[in-house]
Amino acid sequence: MSIRRCAACGKDMLSDSEACPKCGAANVRQGRSGAGGMAGLALFFAAAGLAAVSGLVFLRHRAAEAGLTPAQACGAQWSRCADNDALVQDSGLWPSIGTACESWANAHADGATLIWPLEPFQTYNPGRDYVSSGVAVATEHDVIRKSRYGAPVRAQARCEFDLISGTVVTVTFPENSARATSNYTARATRGRGGDRG
């Protein structure tokens, strides 16, 4: 037996009394009777269960994440790639970026016909700027541009791809199409396809 305060008037009373000796209000025993007590108890257990489940999901996610190799982490999320090379080799995005750049360039060709290699836009720059900026730059050195009025010309195309939104920003054809010597070419590790006609 213990003493507690009456919920109605605040007077001290015995915890096992049926009513308050001062105001006559019923003594509601927490957790034993009354709809409010049962609802509160149910709410408590629901919140505790939700917290436990959320905690387990968080811990499982952390445990799975801790077991990933750098290549797997990069493949799961491009922003976890160590550098541009890892983004190209491990993320699985690079072929899709090349296809998106080719499609965008064809749609914005202004009357020119563009002939692409089998796997376009395989050249990329070394460094970490793609991962830090969220913009990848892919270059294609072997595109053929046929204008409405002129002969075919071998050109270089440069594509900027926004990794965050997953869209092409622009594709440009620089005047100087000389191959940059500081660029790495992913094509060297994948083999080179022939031109499409």
Protein backbone atom coordinates (compact mmCIF):
# COMPACT_ATOMS: atom_id res chain seq x y z
CA MET A 1 0.00 0.00 0.00
CA SER A 2 1.31 3.45 -0.92
CA ILE A 3 0.12 7.02 -0.94
CA ARG A 4 -0.70 8.88 -4.12
CA ARG A 5 -2.37 12.14 -5.11
CA CYS A 6 -5.96 12.37 -6.27
CA ALA A 7 -6.12 13.25 -9.96
CA ALA A 8 -9.15 15.51 -9.39
CA CYS A 9 -8.27 17.58 -6.28
CA GLY A 10 -4.62 16.76 -5.52
CA LYS A 11 -5.25 15.51 -1.95
CA ASP A 12 -3.14 12.56 -0.68
CA MET A 13 -4.94 9.21 -0.49
CA LEU A 14 -4.14 5.52 -0.23
CA SER A 15 -3.39 3.87 -3.56
CA ASP A 16 -5.84 1.01 -2.90
CA SER A 17 -8.82 3.24 -1.89
CA GLU A 18 -11.86 3.18 -4.14
CA ALA A 19 -12.44 6.96 -3.99
CA CYS A 20 -10.78 10.17 -2.78
CA PRO A 21 -11.72 10.88 0.86
CA LYS A 22 -11.88 14.66 0.18
CA CYS A 23 -13.71 15.02 -3.17
CA GLY A 24 -15.09 11.53 -3.74
CA ALA A 25 -13.50 11.15 -7.19
CA ALA A 26 -12.89 7.56 -8.24
CA ASN A 27 -9.35 6.31 -7.71
CA VAL A 28 -8.12 5.30 -11.16
CA ARG A 29 -5.36 2.77 -10.75
CA GLN A 30 -2.88 3.12 -13.61
CA GLY A 31 -2.55 0.07 -15.77
CA ARG A 32 -5.24 -1.94 -13.94
CA SER A 33 -8.60 -0.56 -14.97
CA GLY A 34 -10.29 2.07 -17.07
CA ALA A 35 -10.15 2.69 -20.79
CA GLY A 36 -7.59 5.48 -20.41
CA GLY A 37 -5.17 3.21 -18.57
CA MET A 38 -5.48 0.44 -21.15
CA ALA A 39 -5.12 2.86 -24.07
CA GLY A 40 -2.04 4.41 -22.48
CA LEU A 41 -0.55 1.00 -21.89
CA ALA A 42 -1.27 -0.06 -25.49
CA LEU A 43 0.25 3.19 -26.78
CA PHE A 44 3.36 2.62 -24.65
CA PHE A 45 3.87 -0.90 -26.01
CA ALA A 46 3.21 0.23 -29.60
CA ALA A 47 5.82 3.00 -29.28
CA ALA A 48 8.30 0.62 -27.67
CA GLY A 49 7.73 -1.94 -30.45
CA LEU A 50 8.17 0.70 -33.16
CA ALA A 51 11.38 1.92 -31.55
CA ALA A 52 12.69 -1.64 -31.32
CA VAL A 53 11.86 -2.39 -34.99
CA SER A 54 13.37 0.92 -36.14
CA GLY A 55 16.48 0.19 -34.14
CA LEU A 56 16.82 -3.26 -35.68
CA VAL A 57 16.39 -1.90 -39.21
CA PHE A 58 19.03 0.76 -38.50
CA LEU A 59 21.44 -1.80 -37.07
CA ARG A 60 20.90 -4.19 -39.98
CA HIS A 61 21.51 -1.34 -42.44
CA ARG A 62 24.72 -0.36 -40.64
CA ALA A 63 25.90 -3.98 -40.45
CA ALA A 64 25.27 -4.51 -44.16
CA GLU A 65 26.96 -1.23 -44.98
CA ALA A 66 29.99 -2.10 -42.88
CA GLY A 67 30.52 -5.33 -44.85
CA LEU A 68 30.62 -3.63 -48.27
CA THR A 69 33.83 -3.37 -50.22
CA PRO A 70 34.60 0.08 -51.67
CA ALA A 71 33.52 -1.16 -55.11
CA GLN A 72 30.20 -2.45 -53.71
CA ALA A 73 29.58 0.81 -51.85
CA CYS A 74 30.30 2.72 -55.06
CA GLY A 75 27.93 0.42 -56.97
CA ALA A 76 25.21 1.04 -54.39
CA GLN A 77 25.54 4.86 -54.44
CA TRP A 78 27.71 6.91 -56.82
CA SER A 79 28.50 9.50 -54.12
CA ARG A 80 30.39 6.79 -52.18
CA CYS A 81 32.87 6.26 -55.02
CA ALA A 82 36.47 7.08 -54.12
CA ASP A 83 37.22 8.96 -57.35
CA ASN A 84 36.30 9.34 -61.03
CA ASP A 85 37.95 6.02 -61.93
CA ALA A 86 35.89 4.15 -59.32
CA LEU A 87 32.72 5.89 -60.53
CA VAL A 88 33.41 4.73 -64.11
CA GLN A 89 34.57 1.20 -63.26
CA ASP A 90 32.42 0.26 -60.23
CA SER A 91 29.19 2.27 -60.17
CA GLY A 92 27.61 0.66 -63.23
CA LEU A 93 26.44 4.12 -64.39
CA TRP A 94 28.96 4.82 -67.13
CA PRO A 95 27.32 2.85 -69.99
CA SER A 96 23.99 4.55 -69.19
CA ILE A 97 25.67 7.96 -69.13
CA GLY A 98 27.17 7.27 -72.57
CA THR A 99 23.78 6.23 -73.97
CA ALA A 100 22.04 9.27 -72.45
CA CYS A 101 24.70 11.61 -73.88
CA GLU A 102 24.37 10.03 -77.33
CA SER A 103 20.57 10.34 -77.28
CA TRP A 104 20.71 13.95 -76.10
CA ALA A 105 23.25 14.89 -78.81
CA ASN A 106 21.15 13.21 -81.52
CA ALA A 107 18.02 15.07 -80.36
CA HIS A 108 19.88 18.42 -80.43
CA ALA A 109 21.93 17.91 -83.62
CA ASP A 110 20.35 20.83 -85.54
CA GLY A 111 20.09 18.97 -88.82
CA ALA A 112 23.45 17.21 -88.62
CA THR A 113 23.73 13.43 -88.72
CA LEU A 114 25.89 11.93 -85.97
CA ILE A 115 27.50 8.51 -86.32
CA TRP A 116 28.69 7.05 -83.02
CA PRO A 117 30.95 4.13 -82.04
CA LEU A 118 29.30 1.09 -80.48
CA GLU A 119 30.03 2.31 -76.93
CA PRO A 120 30.11 6.13 -77.05
CA PHE A 121 31.50 8.53 -74.44
CA GLN A 122 33.95 6.13 -72.79
CA THR A 123 36.69 8.69 -72.10
CA TYR A 124 36.75 10.38 -68.69
CA ASN A 125 39.07 12.63 -66.69
CA PRO A 126 41.18 11.43 -63.76
CA GLY A 127 40.64 12.95 -60.33
CA ARG A 128 37.75 13.20 -57.88
CA ASP A 129 35.77 16.11 -59.33
CA TYR A 130 32.85 14.00 -60.64
CA VAL A 131 32.10 12.65 -57.17
CA SER A 132 32.66 15.98 -55.37
CA SER A 133 30.71 18.15 -57.87
CA GLY A 134 28.02 15.67 -58.92
CA VAL A 135 28.73 16.39 -62.61
CA ALA A 136 30.51 13.82 -64.80
CA VAL A 137 32.23 14.81 -68.05
CA ALA A 138 32.41 12.13 -70.74
CA THR A 139 34.24 12.60 -74.01
CA GLU A 140 33.88 10.82 -77.34
CA HIS A 141 36.79 11.25 -79.77
CA ASP A 142 35.41 9.20 -82.66
CA VAL A 143 32.06 10.71 -83.59
CA ILE A 144 31.41 11.54 -87.24
CA ARG A 145 29.35 14.67 -87.95
CA LYS A 146 27.67 15.03 -91.31
CA SER A 147 26.15 18.47 -91.80
CA ARG A 148 23.32 19.11 -94.22
CA TYR A 149 25.70 20.67 -96.69
CA GLY A 150 29.16 19.26 -96.03
CA ALA A 151 31.22 16.13 -96.03
CA PRO A 152 31.56 13.91 -92.97
CA VAL A 153 34.03 15.17 -90.37
CA ARG A 154 35.52 13.19 -87.50
CA ALA A 155 34.93 15.22 -84.34
CA GLN A 156 35.12 15.12 -80.59
CA ALA A 157 32.00 15.44 -78.42
CA ARG A 158 32.02 16.48 -74.75
CA CYS A 159 29.05 15.60 -72.54
CA GLU A 160 28.25 17.01 -69.09
CA PHE A 161 25.99 14.69 -67.09
CA ASP A 162 24.35 15.70 -63.79
CA LEU A 163 24.70 12.67 -61.49
CA ILE A 164 22.29 14.10 -58.91
CA SER A 165 19.34 14.52 -61.28
CA GLY A 166 20.44 11.77 -63.68
CA THR A 167 20.16 14.04 -66.73
CA VAL A 168 22.41 15.38 -69.47
CA VAL A 169 23.30 19.04 -69.00
CA THR A 170 24.79 19.57 -72.46
CA VAL A 171 26.81 17.99 -75.27
CA THR A 172 29.29 20.22 -77.09
CA PHE A 173 31.56 19.73 -80.08
CA PRO A 174 34.75 21.73 -79.38
CA GLU A 175 36.52 23.29 -82.34
CA ASN A 176 39.80 21.60 -81.43
CA SER A 177 39.05 17.86 -81.55
CA ALA A 178 42.59 16.77 -80.69
CA ARG A 179 42.73 13.90 -78.23
CA ALA A 180 43.65 15.09 -74.73
CA THR A 181 46.68 13.16 -73.43
CA SER A 182 45.70 13.46 -69.73
CA ASN A 183 42.41 11.60 -70.20
CA TYR A 184 41.96 7.94 -69.32
CA THR A 185 39.87 5.82 -71.62
CA ALA A 186 37.47 3.24 -70.21
CA ARG A 187 37.29 1.70 -73.68
CA ALA A 188 40.79 0.27 -73.18
CA THR A 189 39.50 -2.08 -70.46
CA ARG A 190 36.26 -3.02 -72.22
CA GLY A 191 37.39 -3.48 -75.81
CA ARG A 192 36.46 -1.25 -78.69
CA GLY A 193 33.35 -1.60 -80.76
CA GLY A 194 32.96 -0.70 -84.41
CA ASP A 195 31.18 2.34 -85.82
CA ARG A 196 27.46 2.25 -86.32
CA GLY A 197 26.24 3.22 -89.70
